[in-house]
Protein backbone atom coordinates (compact mmCIF):
# COMPACT_ATOMS: atom_id res chain seq x y z
CA MET A 1 -14.66 1.71 -6.31
CA ARG A 2 -12.54 4.82 -6.62
CA GLN A 3 -9.00 4.39 -5.33
CA ASP A 4 -6.78 7.45 -5.26
CA ARG A 5 -3.11 7.17 -5.98
CA PRO A 6 -1.28 6.86 -2.65
CA VAL A 7 0.38 10.05 -1.48
CA THR A 8 3.81 9.39 0.04
CA ARG A 9 5.40 12.03 2.19
CA ASN A 10 8.90 11.41 3.48
CA HIS A 11 7.83 9.48 6.58
CA ILE A 12 4.14 8.57 6.15
CA LYS A 13 1.82 7.42 3.39
CA VAL A 14 -1.78 8.46 2.85
CA GLU A 15 -4.04 6.16 0.84
CA ILE A 16 -7.70 6.78 0.00
CA GLU A 17 -10.00 4.02 -1.22
CA GLY A 18 -13.64 4.96 -1.45
CA PRO A 19 -14.72 6.62 1.81
CA VAL A 20 -11.82 5.16 3.79
CA ALA A 21 -8.41 6.81 4.19
CA SER A 22 -5.33 5.10 5.58
CA LEU A 23 -2.59 7.02 7.35
CA VAL A 24 0.47 4.77 7.38
CA PHE A 25 3.56 5.34 9.53
CA ASN A 26 6.35 4.63 7.06
CA ARG A 27 9.69 4.35 8.86
CA PRO A 28 9.85 0.56 9.12
CA GLN A 29 13.64 0.55 9.43
CA VAL A 30 13.23 2.08 12.92
CA LEU A 31 9.92 0.40 13.81
CA ASN A 32 8.09 3.57 12.74
CA ALA A 33 9.56 5.62 15.58
CA PHE A 34 8.25 9.18 15.61
CA HIS A 35 10.66 12.06 15.09
CA ASN A 36 9.63 15.67 14.55
CA GLU A 37 9.34 15.45 10.78
CA ALA A 38 7.13 12.35 10.94
CA MET A 39 4.92 13.93 13.59
CA ASP A 40 4.52 17.13 11.57
CA GLU A 41 3.55 15.12 8.48
CA CYS A 42 0.92 13.22 10.49
CA VAL A 43 -0.61 16.40 11.91
CA ALA A 44 -0.79 17.96 8.43
CA ALA A 45 -2.29 14.81 6.91
CA LEU A 46 -4.94 14.51 9.62
CA GLY A 47 -5.88 18.14 9.03
CA GLU A 48 -6.27 17.50 5.30
CA LEU A 49 -8.27 14.30 5.80
CA GLY A 50 -10.49 16.02 8.32
CA GLU A 51 -11.40 18.61 5.66
CA ASP A 52 -11.76 16.13 2.77
CA ASP A 53 -15.47 15.50 2.20
CA ARG A 54 -14.71 12.24 0.40
CA VAL A 55 -13.21 10.70 3.54
CA ARG A 56 -15.54 9.30 6.19
CA VAL A 57 -13.12 7.21 8.29
CA VAL A 58 -9.35 7.18 8.85
CA LEU A 59 -7.44 3.94 9.45
CA VAL A 60 -4.09 4.39 11.22
CA ARG A 61 -1.45 1.69 10.84
CA GLY A 62 2.27 1.06 10.65
CA GLU A 63 4.40 -0.31 7.82
CA GLY A 64 6.59 -3.34 8.47
CA ARG A 65 6.99 -5.22 11.75
CA ALA A 66 5.28 -2.79 14.10
CA PHE A 67 2.60 -0.17 14.55
CA SER A 68 5.28 1.98 16.19
CA ALA A 69 7.94 1.78 18.88
CA GLY A 70 7.04 5.31 20.05
CA PHE A 71 9.12 8.46 19.97
CA ASP A 72 12.49 8.24 18.23
CA MET A 73 14.96 7.90 21.09
CA LYS A 74 18.01 8.47 18.89
CA ALA A 75 16.60 11.76 17.64
CA SER A 76 15.64 12.69 21.20
CA ALA A 77 19.15 12.04 22.48
CA GLU A 78 20.67 14.25 19.78
CA ARG A 79 18.23 17.13 20.31
CA ASP A 80 19.20 20.19 22.37
CA MET A 81 17.10 19.95 25.54
CA SER A 82 19.36 22.09 27.71
CA THR A 83 16.66 24.45 29.00
CA VAL A 84 13.17 24.06 30.39
CA ASP A 85 11.83 26.12 27.49
CA LEU A 86 13.34 23.74 24.92
CA VAL A 87 11.93 20.76 26.80
CA ARG A 88 8.49 22.37 26.91
CA ARG A 89 8.47 23.18 23.20
CA GLN A 90 9.38 19.62 22.27
CA MET A 91 6.86 18.03 24.62
CA GLU A 92 4.10 20.35 23.40
CA ARG A 93 4.94 19.32 19.84
CA GLN A 94 4.60 15.67 20.83
CA PHE A 95 1.39 16.40 22.75
CA ASP A 96 -0.17 18.20 19.78
CA PHE A 97 0.77 15.26 17.54
CA ILE A 98 -0.98 12.74 19.79
CA MET A 99 -4.05 14.89 20.28
CA ALA A 100 -4.39 15.43 16.52
CA PHE A 101 -5.79 11.88 16.37
CA TRP A 102 -8.31 12.70 19.11
CA ASP A 103 -9.22 16.01 17.45
CA CYS A 104 -9.62 14.64 13.92
CA PRO A 105 -13.33 15.17 13.11
CA LYS A 106 -13.49 11.84 11.28
CA PRO A 107 -13.52 8.56 13.25
CA THR A 108 -10.02 7.11 13.60
CA ILE A 109 -9.32 3.38 13.89
CA ALA A 110 -5.84 2.27 15.01
CA LEU A 111 -4.79 -1.09 13.55
CA VAL A 112 -1.87 -2.14 15.74
CA HIS A 113 0.56 -5.01 15.41
CA GLY A 114 4.03 -5.92 16.59
CA PHE A 115 4.94 -3.16 19.04
CA CYS A 116 2.76 -0.32 20.33
CA MET A 117 4.94 1.51 22.82
CA ALA A 118 5.11 4.83 24.67
CA GLY A 119 4.08 7.64 22.32
CA ALA A 120 2.54 5.11 19.94
CA PHE A 121 0.53 3.65 22.81
CA GLU A 122 -0.79 7.15 23.45
CA VAL A 123 -1.64 7.54 19.75
CA ALA A 124 -3.66 4.32 19.89
CA LEU A 125 -5.47 5.61 22.97
CA ALA A 126 -6.19 8.91 21.19
CA CYS A 127 -7.81 7.07 18.28
CA ASP A 128 -11.51 6.31 18.59
CA ILE A 129 -11.20 2.54 18.12
CA THR A 130 -8.22 0.20 18.45
CA VAL A 131 -7.96 -3.22 16.84
CA ALA A 132 -4.90 -5.30 17.75
CA ALA A 133 -3.28 -8.23 16.05
CA GLU A 134 -2.60 -11.27 18.19
CA GLY A 135 0.92 -11.04 19.59
CA THR A 136 1.00 -7.24 19.79
CA ARG A 137 2.97 -5.88 22.74
CA PHE A 138 1.89 -2.71 24.51
CA GLY A 139 3.85 -0.60 26.98
CA GLU A 140 4.46 2.76 28.66
CA PRO A 141 8.13 2.47 29.76
CA GLU A 142 8.81 6.13 30.55
CA VAL A 143 9.28 5.71 34.31
CA ARG A 144 12.04 3.18 33.69
CA PHE A 145 14.45 5.83 32.50
CA GLY A 146 13.18 8.87 34.31
CA THR A 147 10.96 10.66 31.80
CA GLY A 148 7.29 11.61 31.83
CA ILE A 149 4.28 10.53 29.79
CA VAL A 150 3.39 13.12 27.17
CA ALA A 151 -0.38 12.58 27.00
CA MET A 152 -1.76 10.94 30.15
CA LEU A 153 -4.73 9.34 28.37
CA LEU A 154 -4.67 5.93 30.03
CA PRO A 155 -6.57 6.95 33.21
CA TRP A 156 -9.38 8.16 30.94
CA ALA A 157 -9.54 4.84 29.09
CA VAL A 158 -9.39 2.24 31.89
CA LEU A 159 -10.27 1.80 35.54
CA PRO A 160 -7.91 3.60 37.96
CA LYS A 161 -6.42 0.38 39.37
CA HIS A 162 -5.26 -0.71 35.92
CA ALA A 163 -3.69 2.66 35.11
CA LYS A 164 -2.02 2.87 38.52
CA GLU A 165 -0.44 -0.53 37.98
CA MET A 166 0.67 -0.13 34.39
CA LEU A 167 2.17 3.35 34.47
CA PRO A 168 4.32 3.17 37.65
CA THR A 169 5.79 -0.21 36.61
CA GLY A 170 6.55 0.89 33.06
CA ASN A 171 5.44 -2.54 31.85
CA VAL A 172 6.42 -3.18 28.22
CA LYS A 173 5.06 -6.71 27.83
CA MET A 174 1.31 -6.28 28.06
CA ASP A 175 -0.17 -8.57 25.42
CA ALA A 176 -3.16 -7.90 23.21
CA ASN A 177 -5.51 -10.11 25.19
CA ARG A 178 -4.72 -8.30 28.43
CA ALA A 179 -5.09 -4.95 26.68
CA HIS A 180 -8.51 -6.09 25.46
CA ALA A 181 -9.53 -7.31 28.90
CA ILE A 182 -8.93 -3.92 30.53
CA GLY A 183 -10.44 -1.84 27.75
CA ILE A 184 -7.43 -0.50 25.84
CA VAL A 185 -8.30 -2.55 22.76
CA ASN A 186 -11.71 -3.10 21.17
CA HIS A 187 -10.93 -6.30 19.26
CA VAL A 188 -8.08 -8.81 18.93
CA VAL A 189 -7.73 -10.63 15.60
CA PRO A 190 -5.11 -12.77 13.84
CA GLU A 191 -2.52 -10.51 12.22
CA ARG A 192 -3.36 -11.78 8.73
CA GLU A 193 -6.95 -10.55 9.26
CA LEU A 194 -6.11 -7.16 10.77
CA SER A 195 -6.34 -5.06 7.62
CA ALA A 196 -9.56 -6.67 6.36
CA PHE A 197 -11.20 -6.47 9.80
CA GLY A 198 -10.35 -2.80 10.11
CA ARG A 199 -11.63 -2.01 6.64
CA ARG A 200 -14.94 -3.78 7.28
CA MET A 201 -15.38 -1.78 10.46
CA ALA A 202 -14.52 1.44 8.62
CA LEU A 203 -17.03 0.69 5.87
CA ASP A 204 -19.73 0.02 8.47
CA ILE A 205 -19.08 3.47 9.94
CA ALA A 206 -18.93 5.04 6.48
CA ALA A 207 -22.33 3.53 5.63
CA ALA A 208 -23.97 5.48 8.46
CA ALA A 209 -25.27 9.03 8.03
CA GLY A 210 -22.16 11.19 7.72
CA PRO A 211 -23.28 14.23 9.74
CA SER A 212 -24.62 11.98 12.51
CA VAL A 213 -21.26 10.23 12.80
CA LEU A 214 -19.32 13.50 12.88
CA PHE A 215 -21.56 15.13 15.47
CA THR A 216 -21.72 11.97 17.59
CA LYS A 217 -17.92 11.84 17.76
CA ARG A 218 -17.84 15.54 18.59
CA ALA A 219 -20.42 15.07 21.34
CA MET A 220 -18.54 12.13 22.88
CA ASN A 221 -15.25 14.04 22.84
CA ARG A 222 -16.91 17.05 24.42
CA THR A 223 -18.33 14.85 27.17
CA TYR A 224 -14.79 13.87 28.22
CA GLU A 225 -13.55 17.43 27.86
CA ILE A 226 -16.40 18.85 29.97
CA MET A 227 -15.37 16.29 32.60
CA GLY A 228 -11.94 17.94 32.55
CA MET A 229 -9.91 15.58 30.39
CA ARG A 230 -8.03 18.16 28.34
CA ASP A 231 -7.29 20.35 31.37
CA ALA A 232 -5.99 17.27 33.18
CA LEU A 233 -3.79 16.34 30.22
CA ARG A 234 -2.34 19.85 30.09
CA ALA A 235 -1.69 19.82 33.85
CA SER A 236 0.06 16.46 33.51
CA LEU A 237 2.14 17.84 30.64
CA ASP A 238 3.27 20.76 32.82
CA ILE A 239 4.46 18.30 35.46
CA ASP A 240 6.20 16.16 32.85
CA VAL A 241 8.07 19.15 31.46
CA ILE A 242 9.59 19.68 34.90
CA LEU A 243 10.33 15.97 35.22
CA ASN A 244 11.99 15.76 31.81
CA ALA A 245 14.06 18.88 32.47
CA THR A 246 15.33 17.50 35.79
CA PRO A 247 18.50 15.37 35.70
CA SER A 248 18.25 11.88 37.17
CA ALA A 249 20.57 8.92 37.67
CA GLU A 250 18.35 6.75 35.45
CA LYS A 251 18.43 9.18 32.54
CA ALA A 252 22.17 9.64 32.83
CA GLU A 253 22.85 5.89 32.91
CA PHE A 254 20.49 5.20 30.01
CA GLN A 255 22.22 7.83 27.86
CA ARG A 256 25.68 6.61 28.87
CA ILE A 257 24.90 3.06 27.79
CA ARG A 258 23.22 4.28 24.60
CA LYS A 259 26.30 6.30 23.61
CA GLU A 260 28.83 3.61 24.52
CA GLN A 261 26.98 0.42 23.57
CA GLY A 262 24.03 1.46 21.44
CA LEU A 263 20.30 1.80 21.86
CA LYS A 264 19.64 -1.94 22.03
CA ALA A 265 21.93 -2.29 25.05
CA ALA A 266 20.33 0.74 26.73
CA LEU A 267 16.87 -0.74 26.26
CA ALA A 268 18.06 -4.05 27.69
CA TRP A 269 19.44 -2.23 30.75
CA ARG A 270 16.11 -0.42 31.09
CA ASP A 271 14.02 -3.58 31.05
CA ASP A 272 16.25 -6.24 32.65
CA ARG A 273 15.68 -4.75 36.11
CA PHE A 274 11.96 -5.54 35.99
CA SER A 275 9.95 -8.74 36.16
CA ASP A 276 7.38 -7.59 33.58
CA GLY A 277 4.56 -9.72 34.83
CA GLN A 278 1.27 -9.07 33.15
CA ALA A 279 0.73 -5.77 34.89
CA GLY A 280 -1.91 -3.41 33.77
């Protein structure tokens, strides 16, 4: 079987083996947190893979201990967000990054392990299929420190009651079994089997008639978009721009603790105020 030499950008890797490509988040030292450069590399890679006739399926995974912890909070804190226009530009960049997985013409399979938080949670939702390793933790913690959700995909993936419980609580301890039970995850497997399980699934898809797979994905995506999904996501983004540009006590306290005591202490402050029962 043909195996191309892996292509390593600065923050991701792209590997192609037969009809299956792997897009690998490659910042393990920060739990694969997404900063602008990593996001831009992902968008470019997805565009290339979408045009590559050799590739039939794209696996999406993270190097090291986690799929991804979400957007890089250190980079966010150091970025100039002093005007509404700057906030909008950054959030639109993040939105376009997430939706690149949805818009990829090839089927995308997220193989998640460790942590799948915030922006990474939205990436997993934007992928066509999600397979989780046992022990994976999912969460959307934005409300805990006064920011908005970039791509409000969860209400389109689960029943309203589940979305309306998970998002307002900012729960960060949803386990893989709960995520599977409410429809966020397709399959839960032991971590040691995650890669092999995902590849078998990808090869099953690749064995089907290529044009039928592409047009079936396109038709399914259009069904959601005709129902108003993309317009709803854009409307939510407009609201979140206002929210993120508005000062709040929670944001100020989070940033104060981060500057004085470090990110770990700020995250502990964020989460210690909540019970984190199995909401969702």
